[in-house]
Amino acid sequence: MNIAIIYSLPTTRAKQTSYLIADEDTVISAGKIASALQKKGAATQLVGISEDFIQKAIHSIHADLIINLIDWTGRDLPLSYLAMDALTDCGIPFAGATRENFRLVDKVEMKKALDVHHIPTARWQVFETSNEEIRPDFHYPVIVKLSQDHCSVGIETSSFVTKKEDLRGIIVDRMKRFSQKVFVEEFISGREFQITVIEESDRSVMLPPAEIVYKPSKSQEFLTFSERWNEDDPDYLRSNTVLAVLSNQEKRVFGKVCIKTFQKLGFRDFTRIDARLNKQGELLVLEANPNPGLDDDELYSMTISARAAGLTFPDFLWKIVESALRRQIVSHT
């Protein structure tokens, strides 16, 4: 079997920002995936996609299956949509998000979808002009996030807002600096989880959840971009990712919410759901990633969950491959 792993190369715009490291990470992951799939007997090809040759590069691929690591976000998000259009039209089956549910990479669209399907999530509000009236029923503190960026881009200590009178200024600042919509959501104080769901045969399966555990600090329990990516930051990686210890009741709650999220949002093959458990025992979904990164890093939540389920990285990837190929077989019967 010949499997192509396609990944987005950093754009000219991204190379001129201080957030480039988040885009370069995808290139490294692609190499790990290729090596893992080779251990399963697959022939692999790495295809880096540049912003100038999206359709040409994708339509020139000859493979039995494509693993899609396209990850342009923020102001470059339209490039990802172009890539998804080309993938949909190229005639080769591909794993992961469809063109339709890839739009949920936009976190505002994600929050709307969660509400439509009655999936529990934090109270939130989108700001497109910065002049909107702030909803009066917010419970503070709240956190200000960018709608179209990933990897904690735009998350700073000032993103955490404790008073309504301070909120407008942060919204204006983020919109001015990042040229995109922002949204505000209530900050959920409680345990934080990353939960992997995969497709096996005719059912969706939740792998053992991973938990984000923060080291003692005066800072709030979320990571800024600098804390996550800047090794010179004194609070660099002030969290650990571990296998979650859950009660039987919590496992039932997690399974019910996460399987519903996977199915109602139209996901396929695999996803990663980020969620927090509040003090009332409710699991609130922060976001569900339709096309999450794949990596063999021992601190990565999907790796921890896969190992807890008895899967090596090649095993985990092969389940994704099998799911995509199974779908292709069904579509031809």
C-alpha atoms as a PDB file:
ATOM      1  CA  MET A   1       0.000   0.000   0.000  1.00  0.00           C
ATOM      2  CA  ASN A   2       1.225   3.461  -0.930  1.00  0.00           C
ATOM      3  CA  ILE A   3       0.293   6.192   1.550  1.00  0.00           C
ATOM      4  CA  ALA A   4       0.978   9.885   0.971  1.00  0.00           C
ATOM      5  CA  ILE A   5       1.376  12.147   3.996  1.00  0.00           C
ATOM      6  CA  ILE A   6       0.631  15.713   3.004  1.00  0.00           C
ATOM      7  CA  TYR A   7       1.488  18.634   5.225  1.00  0.00           C
ATOM      8  CA  SER A   8       1.350  22.400   4.955  1.00  0.00           C
ATOM      9  CA  LEU A   9       4.579  24.346   4.641  1.00  0.00           C
ATOM     10  CA  PRO A  10       4.838  27.659   6.519  1.00  0.00           C
ATOM     11  CA  THR A  11       3.561  30.558   4.440  1.00  0.00           C
ATOM     12  CA  THR A  12       5.473  33.731   3.665  1.00  0.00           C
ATOM     13  CA  ARG A  13       3.252  35.535   6.151  1.00  0.00           C
ATOM     14  CA  ALA A  14       3.849  32.973   8.906  1.00  0.00           C
ATOM     15  CA  LYS A  15       7.611  33.177   8.463  1.00  0.00           C
ATOM     16  CA  GLN A  16       7.445  36.855   9.367  1.00  0.00           C
ATOM     17  CA  THR A  17       5.699  36.259  12.695  1.00  0.00           C
ATOM     18  CA  SER A  18       6.852  35.128  16.113  1.00  0.00           C
ATOM     19  CA  TYR A  19       4.494  32.137  15.898  1.00  0.00           C
ATOM     20  CA  LEU A  20       6.403  30.228  13.198  1.00  0.00           C
ATOM     21  CA  ILE A  21       7.420  27.410  15.548  1.00  0.00           C
ATOM     22  CA  ALA A  22       3.814  26.193  15.739  1.00  0.00           C
ATOM     23  CA  ASP A  23       3.751  25.681  11.960  1.00  0.00           C
ATOM     24  CA  GLU A  24       7.150  24.016  11.804  1.00  0.00           C
ATOM     25  CA  ASP A  25       5.971  21.354  14.246  1.00  0.00           C
ATOM     26  CA  THR A  26       3.755  19.822  11.547  1.00  0.00           C
ATOM     27  CA  VAL A  27       6.757  19.091   9.316  1.00  0.00           C
ATOM     28  CA  ILE A  28       8.424  17.092  12.109  1.00  0.00           C
ATOM     29  CA  SER A  29       5.248  15.107  12.786  1.00  0.00           C
ATOM     30  CA  ALA A  30       4.937  14.129   9.118  1.00  0.00           C
ATOM     31  CA  GLY A  31       8.322  12.388   9.236  1.00  0.00           C
ATOM     32  CA  LYS A  32       7.359  10.417  12.351  1.00  0.00           C
ATOM     33  CA  ILE A  33       4.134   9.294  10.721  1.00  0.00           C
ATOM     34  CA  ALA A  34       5.951   8.104   7.604  1.00  0.00           C
ATOM     35  CA  SER A  35       8.381   6.043   9.683  1.00  0.00           C
ATOM     36  CA  ALA A  36       5.572   4.514  11.736  1.00  0.00           C
ATOM     37  CA  LEU A  37       3.534   3.518   8.673  1.00  0.00           C
ATOM     38  CA  GLN A  38       6.603   1.922   7.101  1.00  0.00           C
ATOM     39  CA  LYS A  39       6.764  -0.372  10.140  1.00  0.00           C
ATOM     40  CA  LYS A  40       3.309  -1.581   9.104  1.00  0.00           C
ATOM     41  CA  GLY A  41       4.608  -2.440   5.651  1.00  0.00           C
ATOM     42  CA  ALA A  42       3.305   0.617   3.823  1.00  0.00           C
ATOM     43  CA  ALA A  43       5.272   2.553   1.241  1.00  0.00           C
ATOM     44  CA  THR A  44       5.101   6.246   2.113  1.00  0.00           C
ATOM     45  CA  GLN A  45       5.687   9.550   0.404  1.00  0.00           C
ATOM     46  CA  LEU A  46       6.008  12.916   2.131  1.00  0.00           C
ATOM     47  CA  VAL A  47       4.375  15.757   0.231  1.00  0.00           C
ATOM     48  CA  GLY A  48       4.939  19.265   1.528  1.00  0.00           C
ATOM     49  CA  ILE A  49       2.281  21.640   0.204  1.00  0.00           C
ATOM     50  CA  SER A  50       3.256  25.271  -0.340  1.00  0.00           C
ATOM     51  CA  GLU A  51       0.795  28.139  -0.518  1.00  0.00           C
ATOM     52  CA  ASP A  52       1.525  28.704  -4.223  1.00  0.00           C
ATOM     53  CA  PHE A  53       0.944  25.174  -5.537  1.00  0.00           C
ATOM     54  CA  ILE A  54      -1.882  23.718  -3.475  1.00  0.00           C
ATOM     55  CA  GLN A  55      -4.114  22.234  -6.153  1.00  0.00           C
ATOM     56  CA  LYS A  56      -1.259  21.243  -8.469  1.00  0.00           C
ATOM     57  CA  ALA A  57       0.602  19.420  -5.698  1.00  0.00           C
ATOM     58  CA  ILE A  58      -2.439  17.522  -4.445  1.00  0.00           C
ATOM     59  CA  HIS A  59      -3.688  16.554  -7.894  1.00  0.00           C
ATOM     60  CA  SER A  60      -0.241  15.205  -8.799  1.00  0.00           C
ATOM     61  CA  ILE A  61      -0.286  12.653  -5.948  1.00  0.00           C
ATOM     62  CA  HIS A  62      -0.468   8.965  -6.840  1.00  0.00           C
ATOM     63  CA  ALA A  63      -1.312   6.908  -3.754  1.00  0.00           C
ATOM     64  CA  ASP A  64      -3.854   4.505  -2.299  1.00  0.00           C
ATOM     65  CA  LEU A  65      -4.568   6.779   0.660  1.00  0.00           C
ATOM     66  CA  ILE A  66      -3.700  10.257   1.900  1.00  0.00           C
ATOM     67  CA  ILE A  67      -3.018  11.247   5.517  1.00  0.00           C
ATOM     68  CA  ASN A  68      -3.927  14.919   5.747  1.00  0.00           C
ATOM     69  CA  LEU A  69      -1.812  17.153   7.995  1.00  0.00           C
ATOM     70  CA  ILE A  70      -2.806  20.442   6.367  1.00  0.00           C
ATOM     71  CA  ASP A  71      -2.754  22.938   9.203  1.00  0.00           C
ATOM     72  CA  TRP A  72      -2.848  26.504   7.916  1.00  0.00           C
ATOM     73  CA  THR A  73      -4.870  28.580  10.364  1.00  0.00           C
ATOM     74  CA  GLY A  74      -5.438  32.211  11.300  1.00  0.00           C
ATOM     75  CA  ARG A  75      -5.212  34.542   8.324  1.00  0.00           C
ATOM     76  CA  ASP A  76      -3.961  31.569   6.283  1.00  0.00           C
ATOM     77  CA  LEU A  77      -7.060  29.459   6.992  1.00  0.00           C
ATOM     78  CA  PRO A  78      -8.496  30.046   3.459  1.00  0.00           C
ATOM     79  CA  LEU A  79      -5.496  28.100   2.130  1.00  0.00           C
ATOM     80  CA  SER A  80      -6.594  25.084   4.159  1.00  0.00           C
ATOM     81  CA  TYR A  81     -10.051  25.321   2.592  1.00  0.00           C
ATOM     82  CA  LEU A  82      -8.444  25.323  -0.872  1.00  0.00           C
ATOM     83  CA  ALA A  83      -6.466  22.220   0.088  1.00  0.00           C
ATOM     84  CA  MET A  84      -9.619  20.494   1.345  1.00  0.00           C
ATOM     85  CA  ASP A  85     -11.361  21.296  -1.941  1.00  0.00           C
ATOM     86  CA  ALA A  86      -8.468  19.741  -3.865  1.00  0.00           C
ATOM     87  CA  LEU A  87      -8.451  16.667  -1.604  1.00  0.00           C
ATOM     88  CA  THR A  88     -12.170  16.200  -2.097  1.00  0.00           C
ATOM     89  CA  ASP A  89     -11.802  16.400  -5.874  1.00  0.00           C
ATOM     90  CA  CYS A  90      -8.605  14.357  -6.369  1.00  0.00           C
ATOM     91  CA  GLY A  91     -10.303  10.958  -6.196  1.00  0.00           C
ATOM     92  CA  ILE A  92      -7.944   9.450  -3.601  1.00  0.00           C
ATOM     93  CA  PRO A  93      -9.445   8.480  -0.233  1.00  0.00           C
ATOM     94  CA  PHE A  94      -8.083  10.539   2.648  1.00  0.00           C
ATOM     95  CA  ALA A  95      -8.216  10.100   6.393  1.00  0.00           C
ATOM     96  CA  GLY A  96      -9.714  12.561   8.812  1.00  0.00           C
ATOM     97  CA  ALA A  97     -11.908  15.599   8.339  1.00  0.00           C
ATOM     98  CA  THR A  98     -14.196  16.122   5.373  1.00  0.00           C
ATOM     99  CA  ARG A  99     -14.336  19.499   3.651  1.00  0.00           C
ATOM    100  CA  GLU A 100     -17.607  20.149   5.441  1.00  0.00           C
ATOM    101  CA  ASN A 101     -16.468  19.471   8.984  1.00  0.00           C
ATOM    102  CA  PHE A 102     -13.037  20.995   8.446  1.00  0.00           C
ATOM    103  CA  ARG A 103     -14.811  24.348   8.741  1.00  0.00           C
ATOM    104  CA  LEU A 104     -15.014  23.596  12.464  1.00  0.00           C
ATOM    105  CA  VAL A 105     -11.318  24.470  12.658  1.00  0.00           C
ATOM    106  CA  ASP A 106     -12.814  27.950  13.037  1.00  0.00           C
ATOM    107  CA  LYS A 107     -13.550  27.894  16.752  1.00  0.00           C
ATOM    108  CA  VAL A 108     -16.595  30.137  16.412  1.00  0.00           C
ATOM    109  CA  GLU A 109     -18.116  27.652  13.984  1.00  0.00           C
ATOM    110  CA  MET A 110     -17.189  24.927  16.460  1.00  0.00           C
ATOM    111  CA  LYS A 111     -18.962  26.668  19.326  1.00  0.00           C
ATOM    112  CA  LYS A 112     -22.046  27.198  17.174  1.00  0.00           C
ATOM    113  CA  ALA A 113     -22.109  23.506  16.279  1.00  0.00           C
ATOM    114  CA  LEU A 114     -21.772  22.471  19.908  1.00  0.00           C
ATOM    115  CA  ASP A 115     -24.779  24.623  20.779  1.00  0.00           C
ATOM    116  CA  VAL A 116     -26.861  23.351  17.852  1.00  0.00           C
ATOM    117  CA  HIS A 117     -26.337  19.747  18.942  1.00  0.00           C
ATOM    118  CA  HIS A 118     -26.843  20.504  22.645  1.00  0.00           C
ATOM    119  CA  ILE A 119     -23.325  19.444  23.544  1.00  0.00           C
ATOM    120  CA  PRO A 120     -22.338  21.001  26.886  1.00  0.00           C
ATOM    121  CA  THR A 121     -19.863  23.855  26.515  1.00  0.00           C
ATOM    122  CA  ALA A 122     -18.934  27.038  28.351  1.00  0.00           C
ATOM    123  CA  ARG A 123     -21.111  30.125  27.904  1.00  0.00           C
ATOM    124  CA  TRP A 124     -19.557  32.188  25.090  1.00  0.00           C
ATOM    125  CA  GLN A 125     -19.913  35.132  22.703  1.00  0.00           C
ATOM    126  CA  VAL A 126     -18.352  36.027  19.351  1.00  0.00           C
ATOM    127  CA  PHE A 127     -17.088  39.525  18.541  1.00  0.00           C
ATOM    128  CA  GLU A 128     -16.822  40.492  14.883  1.00  0.00           C
ATOM    129  CA  THR A 129     -16.564  44.292  15.238  1.00  0.00           C
ATOM    130  CA  SER A 130     -15.543  44.680  18.916  1.00  0.00           C
ATOM    131  CA  ASN A 131     -18.566  46.967  19.370  1.00  0.00           C
ATOM    132  CA  GLU A 132     -21.064  44.263  20.258  1.00  0.00           C
ATOM    133  CA  GLU A 133     -22.778  44.585  23.612  1.00  0.00           C
ATOM    134  CA  ILE A 134     -21.152  42.190  26.059  1.00  0.00           C
ATOM    135  CA  ARG A 135     -23.648  39.576  27.181  1.00  0.00           C
ATOM    136  CA  PRO A 136     -24.849  40.450  30.668  1.00  0.00           C
ATOM    137  CA  ASP A 137     -25.038  36.872  31.944  1.00  0.00           C
ATOM    138  CA  PHE A 138     -21.311  36.135  31.759  1.00  0.00           C
ATOM    139  CA  HIS A 139     -19.876  34.712  34.974  1.00  0.00           C
ATOM    140  CA  TYR A 140     -16.346  36.015  35.431  1.00  0.00           C
ATOM    141  CA  PRO A 141     -13.509  35.228  34.957  1.00  0.00           C
ATOM    142  CA  VAL A 142     -13.654  34.768  31.192  1.00  0.00           C
ATOM    143  CA  ILE A 143     -10.966  34.061  28.612  1.00  0.00           C
ATOM    144  CA  VAL A 144     -10.484  35.777  25.239  1.00  0.00           C
ATOM    145  CA  LYS A 145      -9.491  33.550  22.304  1.00  0.00           C
ATOM    146  CA  LEU A 146      -8.878  33.948  18.582  1.00  0.00           C
ATOM    147  CA  SER A 147     -11.416  32.256  16.340  1.00  0.00           C
ATOM    148  CA  GLN A 148      -9.123  30.977  13.597  1.00  0.00           C
ATOM    149  CA  ASP A 149      -5.717  30.316  15.125  1.00  0.00           C
ATOM    150  CA  HIS A 150      -4.359  27.224  16.843  1.00  0.00           C
ATOM    151  CA  CYS A 151      -1.587  26.129  19.207  1.00  0.00           C
ATOM    152  CA  SER A 152      -2.452  28.852  21.748  1.00  0.00           C
ATOM    153  CA  VAL A 153      -1.632  31.699  19.344  1.00  0.00           C
ATOM    154  CA  GLY A 154      -3.050  34.882  20.885  1.00  0.00           C
ATOM    155  CA  ILE A 155      -3.331  33.366  24.358  1.00  0.00           C
ATOM    156  CA  GLU A 156      -1.488  35.636  26.815  1.00  0.00           C
ATOM    157  CA  THR A 157      -1.780  36.327  30.515  1.00  0.00           C
ATOM    158  CA  SER A 158      -4.074  39.257  29.662  1.00  0.00           C
ATOM    159  CA  SER A 159      -6.462  36.829  27.929  1.00  0.00           C
ATOM    160  CA  PHE A 160      -7.752  35.930  31.391  1.00  0.00           C
ATOM    161  CA  VAL A 161     -10.224  38.684  32.337  1.00  0.00           C
ATOM    162  CA  THR A 162     -11.801  38.971  35.775  1.00  0.00           C
ATOM    163  CA  LYS A 163     -13.929  42.117  35.333  1.00  0.00           C
ATOM    164  CA  LYS A 164     -16.377  43.221  32.638  1.00  0.00           C
ATOM    165  CA  GLU A 165     -14.883  46.703  32.483  1.00  0.00           C
ATOM    166  CA  ASP A 166     -11.538  45.254  31.379  1.00  0.00           C
ATOM    167  CA  LEU A 167     -12.935  42.953  28.702  1.00  0.00           C
ATOM    168  CA  ARG A 168     -13.560  45.405  25.855  1.00  0.00           C
ATOM    169  CA  GLY A 169      -9.957  46.567  25.729  1.00  0.00           C
ATOM    170  CA  ILE A 170      -8.622  43.024  25.384  1.00  0.00           C
ATOM    171  CA  ILE A 171     -11.114  42.269  22.611  1.00  0.00           C
ATOM    172  CA  VAL A 172     -10.089  45.397  20.688  1.00  0.00           C
ATOM    173  CA  ASP A 173      -6.398  44.573  21.140  1.00  0.00           C
ATOM    174  CA  ARG A 174      -6.723  41.017  19.796  1.00  0.00           C
ATOM    175  CA  MET A 175      -8.815  42.026  16.806  1.00  0.00           C
ATOM    176  CA  LYS A 176      -6.402  44.804  15.907  1.00  0.00           C
ATOM    177  CA  ARG A 177      -3.294  42.626  16.219  1.00  0.00           C
ATOM    178  CA  PHE A 178      -4.597  39.432  14.611  1.00  0.00           C
ATOM    179  CA  SER A 179      -7.180  40.714  12.100  1.00  0.00           C
ATOM    180  CA  GLN A 180      -9.823  38.106  12.874  1.00  0.00           C
ATOM    181  CA  LYS A 181     -12.903  37.488  14.967  1.00  0.00           C
ATOM    182  CA  VAL A 182     -12.412  36.711  18.616  1.00  0.00           C
ATOM    183  CA  PHE A 183     -14.661  34.961  21.064  1.00  0.00           C
ATOM    184  CA  VAL A 184     -15.001  35.105  24.800  1.00  0.00           C
ATOM    185  CA  GLU A 185     -15.965  32.137  26.932  1.00  0.00           C
ATOM    186  CA  GLU A 186     -16.364  31.620  30.641  1.00  0.00           C
ATOM    187  CA  PHE A 187     -13.261  30.150  32.188  1.00  0.00           C
ATOM    188  CA  ILE A 188     -13.995  26.734  33.631  1.00  0.00           C
ATOM    189  CA  SER A 189     -12.058  26.117  36.802  1.00  0.00           C
ATOM    190  CA  GLY A 190     -11.576  22.381  37.058  1.00  0.00           C
ATOM    191  CA  ARG A 191      -9.716  19.385  35.721  1.00  0.00           C
ATOM    192  CA  GLU A 192      -8.653  19.631  32.071  1.00  0.00           C
ATOM    193  CA  PHE A 193      -8.685  16.715  29.640  1.00  0.00           C
ATOM    194  CA  GLN A 194      -7.775  15.790  26.093  1.00  0.00           C
ATOM    195  CA  ILE A 195      -9.858  12.874  24.896  1.00  0.00           C
ATOM    196  CA  THR A 196      -9.219  10.791  21.781  1.00  0.00           C
ATOM    197  CA  VAL A 197     -12.069   9.132  19.903  1.00  0.00           C
ATOM    198  CA  ILE A 198     -11.471   6.721  17.013  1.00  0.00           C
ATOM    199  CA  GLU A 199     -13.629   4.635  14.707  1.00  0.00           C
ATOM    200  CA  GLU A 200     -13.402   0.879  14.952  1.00  0.00           C
ATOM    201  CA  SER A 201     -15.514  -1.209  12.578  1.00  0.00           C
ATOM    202  CA  ASP A 202     -19.034   0.157  12.968  1.00  0.00           C
ATOM    203  CA  ARG A 203     -18.617   2.029  16.245  1.00  0.00           C
ATOM    204  CA  SER A 204     -16.948   5.051  17.809  1.00  0.00           C
ATOM    205  CA  VAL A 205     -14.565   4.294  20.660  1.00  0.00           C
ATOM    206  CA  MET A 206     -13.203   6.614  23.345  1.00  0.00           C
ATOM    207  CA  LEU A 207      -9.628   5.807  24.310  1.00  0.00           C
ATOM    208  CA  PRO A 208      -8.565   6.276  27.954  1.00  0.00           C
ATOM    209  CA  PRO A 209      -8.554  10.064  28.451  1.00  0.00           C
ATOM    210  CA  ALA A 210      -5.415  12.087  29.125  1.00  0.00           C
ATOM    211  CA  GLU A 211      -5.351  14.866  31.720  1.00  0.00           C
ATOM    212  CA  ILE A 212      -3.441  18.154  31.746  1.00  0.00           C
ATOM    213  CA  VAL A 213      -1.956  18.642  35.217  1.00  0.00           C
ATOM    214  CA  TYR A 214      -0.514  22.035  36.104  1.00  0.00           C
ATOM    215  CA  LYS A 215       2.468  22.549  38.349  1.00  0.00           C
ATOM    216  CA  PRO A 216       1.944  24.791  41.403  1.00  0.00           C
ATOM    217  CA  SER A 217       2.038  28.401  40.235  1.00  0.00           C
ATOM    218  CA  LYS A 218       0.523  31.821  40.852  1.00  0.00           C
ATOM    219  CA  SER A 219      -0.691  31.746  37.247  1.00  0.00           C
ATOM    220  CA  GLN A 220      -4.091  30.474  36.207  1.00  0.00           C
ATOM    221  CA  GLU A 221      -4.403  26.910  34.952  1.00  0.00           C
ATOM    222  CA  PHE A 222      -4.045  27.471  31.221  1.00  0.00           C
ATOM    223  CA  LEU A 223      -0.954  27.852  29.052  1.00  0.00           C
ATOM    224  CA  THR A 224      -0.080  30.998  27.140  1.00  0.00           C
ATOM    225  CA  PHE A 225       1.614  30.654  23.751  1.00  0.00           C
ATOM    226  CA  SER A 226       4.933  31.611  25.321  1.00  0.00           C
ATOM    227  CA  GLU A 227       4.606  29.054  28.131  1.00  0.00           C
ATOM    228  CA  ARG A 228       3.817  26.386  25.579  1.00  0.00           C
ATOM    229  CA  TRP A 229       6.465  27.148  22.951  1.00  0.00           C
ATOM    230  CA  ASN A 230       9.173  29.478  24.283  1.00  0.00           C
ATOM    231  CA  GLU A 231      11.898  27.521  26.078  1.00  0.00           C
ATOM    232  CA  ASP A 232      13.240  30.772  27.560  1.00  0.00           C
ATOM    233  CA  ASP A 233       9.964  31.491  29.336  1.00  0.00           C
ATOM    234  CA  PRO A 234      10.429  30.842  33.094  1.00  0.00           C
ATOM    235  CA  ASP A 235       7.052  29.032  33.074  1.00  0.00           C
ATOM    236  CA  TYR A 236       7.834  26.976  29.958  1.00  0.00           C
ATOM    237  CA  LEU A 237       5.718  23.823  29.948  1.00  0.00           C
ATOM    238  CA  ARG A 238       4.378  24.320  33.476  1.00  0.00           C
ATOM    239  CA  SER A 239       2.007  21.444  32.887  1.00  0.00           C
ATOM    240  CA  ASN A 240       2.289  17.696  32.413  1.00  0.00           C
ATOM    241  CA  THR A 241       0.059  15.383  30.433  1.00  0.00           C
ATOM    242  CA  VAL A 242      -0.793  12.149  32.228  1.00  0.00           C
ATOM    243  CA  LEU A 243      -3.260   9.316  31.973  1.00  0.00           C
ATOM    244  CA  ALA A 244      -6.431  10.454  33.737  1.00  0.00           C
ATOM    245  CA  VAL A 245      -7.660   8.615  36.808  1.00  0.00           C
ATOM    246  CA  LEU A 246     -11.454   8.581  36.599  1.00  0.00           C
ATOM    247  CA  SER A 247     -14.283   7.068  38.574  1.00  0.00           C
ATOM    248  CA  ASN A 248     -16.688   4.728  36.809  1.00  0.00           C
ATOM    249  CA  GLN A 249     -19.305   7.481  36.814  1.00  0.00           C
ATOM    250  CA  GLU A 250     -16.864   9.940  35.239  1.00  0.00           C
ATOM    251  CA  LYS A 251     -15.957   7.381  32.575  1.00  0.00           C
ATOM    252  CA  ARG A 252     -19.634   7.033  31.695  1.00  0.00           C
ATOM    253  CA  VAL A 253     -20.071  10.808  31.500  1.00  0.00           C
ATOM    254  CA  PHE A 254     -16.956  11.210  29.349  1.00  0.00           C
ATOM    255  CA  GLY A 255     -17.991   8.408  27.008  1.00  0.00           C
ATOM    256  CA  LYS A 256     -21.508   9.759  26.552  1.00  0.00           C
ATOM    257  CA  VAL A 257     -20.395  13.340  25.848  1.00  0.00           C
ATOM    258  CA  CYS A 258     -17.408  12.493  23.640  1.00  0.00           C
ATOM    259  CA  ILE A 259     -19.081   9.861  21.482  1.00  0.00           C
ATOM    260  CA  LYS A 260     -22.032  12.211  20.971  1.00  0.00           C
ATOM    261  CA  THR A 261     -19.649  15.010  20.002  1.00  0.00           C
ATOM    262  CA  PHE A 262     -17.812  12.803  17.506  1.00  0.00           C
ATOM    263  CA  GLN A 263     -20.981  11.589  15.861  1.00  0.00           C
ATOM    264  CA  LYS A 264     -23.089  14.751  15.897  1.00  0.00           C
ATOM    265  CA  LEU A 265     -20.294  16.864  14.417  1.00  0.00           C
ATOM    266  CA  GLY A 266     -19.845  14.384  11.592  1.00  0.00           C
ATOM    267  CA  PHE A 267     -16.266  13.454  12.409  1.00  0.00           C
ATOM    268  CA  ARG A 268     -14.641  10.364  11.005  1.00  0.00           C
ATOM    269  CA  ASP A 269     -11.621   8.158  11.717  1.00  0.00           C
ATOM    270  CA  PHE A 270     -10.338  10.072  14.757  1.00  0.00           C
ATOM    271  CA  THR A 271     -10.540  13.281  16.735  1.00  0.00           C
ATOM    272  CA  ARG A 272      -9.245  14.932  19.895  1.00  0.00           C
ATOM    273  CA  ILE A 273     -11.695  16.620  22.219  1.00  0.00           C
ATOM    274  CA  ASP A 274     -10.518  19.240  24.719  1.00  0.00           C
ATOM    275  CA  ALA A 275     -12.756  19.516  27.756  1.00  0.00           C
ATOM    276  CA  ARG A 276     -12.933  20.504  31.412  1.00  0.00           C
ATOM    277  CA  LEU A 277     -14.790  18.920  34.291  1.00  0.00           C
ATOM    278  CA  ASN A 278     -16.453  21.584  36.410  1.00  0.00           C
ATOM    279  CA  LYS A 279     -17.154  21.453  40.135  1.00  0.00           C
ATOM    280  CA  GLN A 280     -20.648  20.105  39.495  1.00  0.00           C
ATOM    281  CA  GLY A 281     -19.246  17.064  37.698  1.00  0.00           C
ATOM    282  CA  GLU A 282     -20.294  18.286  34.235  1.00  0.00           C
ATOM    283  CA  LEU A 283     -17.900  17.688  31.339  1.00  0.00           C
ATOM    284  CA  LEU A 284     -17.860  20.840  29.207  1.00  0.00           C
ATOM    285  CA  VAL A 285     -16.348  20.627  25.716  1.00  0.00           C
ATOM    286  CA  LEU A 286     -13.971  23.474  24.916  1.00  0.00           C
ATOM    287  CA  GLU A 287     -13.403  22.323  21.354  1.00  0.00           C
ATOM    288  CA  ALA A 288     -13.287  19.201  19.228  1.00  0.00           C
ATOM    289  CA  ASN A 289     -10.554  19.145  16.628  1.00  0.00           C
ATOM    290  CA  PRO A 290     -11.706  17.659  13.292  1.00  0.00           C
ATOM    291  CA  ASN A 291      -8.117  17.239  12.067  1.00  0.00           C
ATOM    292  CA  PRO A 292      -5.800  17.055  15.101  1.00  0.00           C
ATOM    293  CA  GLY A 293      -2.074  16.622  14.823  1.00  0.00           C
ATOM    294  CA  LEU A 294      -0.594  13.131  15.000  1.00  0.00           C
ATOM    295  CA  ASP A 295       2.648  12.640  16.864  1.00  0.00           C
ATOM    296  CA  ASP A 296       4.599  10.008  18.783  1.00  0.00           C
ATOM    297  CA  ASP A 297       5.773  12.387  21.511  1.00  0.00           C
ATOM    298  CA  GLU A 298       5.401  10.637  24.882  1.00  0.00           C
ATOM    299  CA  LEU A 299       3.903  13.813  26.369  1.00  0.00           C
ATOM    300  CA  TYR A 300       1.264  14.127  23.644  1.00  0.00           C
ATOM    301  CA  SER A 301      -2.217  13.258  24.849  1.00  0.00           C
ATOM    302  CA  MET A 302      -3.139  11.031  21.902  1.00  0.00           C
ATOM    303  CA  THR A 303       0.070   9.042  22.389  1.00  0.00           C
ATOM    304  CA  ILE A 304      -0.677   8.574  26.103  1.00  0.00           C
ATOM    305  CA  SER A 305      -4.245   7.477  25.360  1.00  0.00           C
ATOM    306  CA  ALA A 306      -3.200   5.093  22.582  1.00  0.00           C
ATOM    307  CA  ARG A 307      -0.570   3.439  24.778  1.00  0.00           C
ATOM    308  CA  ALA A 308      -3.097   3.060  27.578  1.00  0.00           C
ATOM    309  CA  ALA A 309      -5.296   1.213  25.087  1.00  0.00           C
ATOM    310  CA  GLY A 310      -2.392  -1.108  24.239  1.00  0.00           C
ATOM    311  CA  LEU A 311      -1.570   0.570  20.930  1.00  0.00           C
ATOM    312  CA  THR A 312       1.860   1.525  19.637  1.00  0.00           C
ATOM    313  CA  PHE A 313       2.054   4.624  17.418  1.00  0.00           C
ATOM    314  CA  PRO A 314       2.116   2.438  14.258  1.00  0.00           C
ATOM    315  CA  ASP A 315      -0.895   0.498  15.609  1.00  0.00           C
ATOM    316  CA  PHE A 316      -2.795   3.707  16.296  1.00  0.00           C
ATOM    317  CA  LEU A 317      -2.080   5.102  12.835  1.00  0.00           C
ATOM    318  CA  TRP A 318      -3.073   1.820  11.231  1.00  0.00           C
ATOM    319  CA  LYS A 319      -6.484   1.978  12.885  1.00  0.00           C
ATOM    320  CA  ILE A 320      -6.946   5.360  11.196  1.00  0.00           C
ATOM    321  CA  VAL A 321      -5.831   3.873   7.878  1.00  0.00           C
ATOM    322  CA  GLU A 322      -8.203   0.920   8.273  1.00  0.00           C
ATOM    323  CA  SER A 323     -11.096   3.238   9.107  1.00  0.00           C
ATOM    324  CA  ALA A 324     -10.509   5.338   5.986  1.00  0.00           C
ATOM    325  CA  LEU A 325     -10.143   2.287   3.737  1.00  0.00           C
ATOM    326  CA  ARG A 326     -13.230   0.648   5.254  1.00  0.00           C
ATOM    327  CA  ARG A 327     -15.218   3.759   4.403  1.00  0.00           C
ATOM    328  CA  GLN A 328     -13.924   3.606   0.843  1.00  0.00           C
ATOM    329  CA  ILE A 329     -15.004  -0.025   0.496  1.00  0.00           C
ATOM    330  CA  VAL A 330     -18.493   0.747   1.815  1.00  0.00           C
ATOM    331  CA  SER A 331     -18.878   3.662  -0.611  1.00  0.00           C
ATOM    332  CA  HIS A 332     -18.214   1.302  -3.535  1.00  0.00           C
ATOM    333  CA  THR A 333     -20.673  -1.417  -2.486  1.00  0.00           C
END
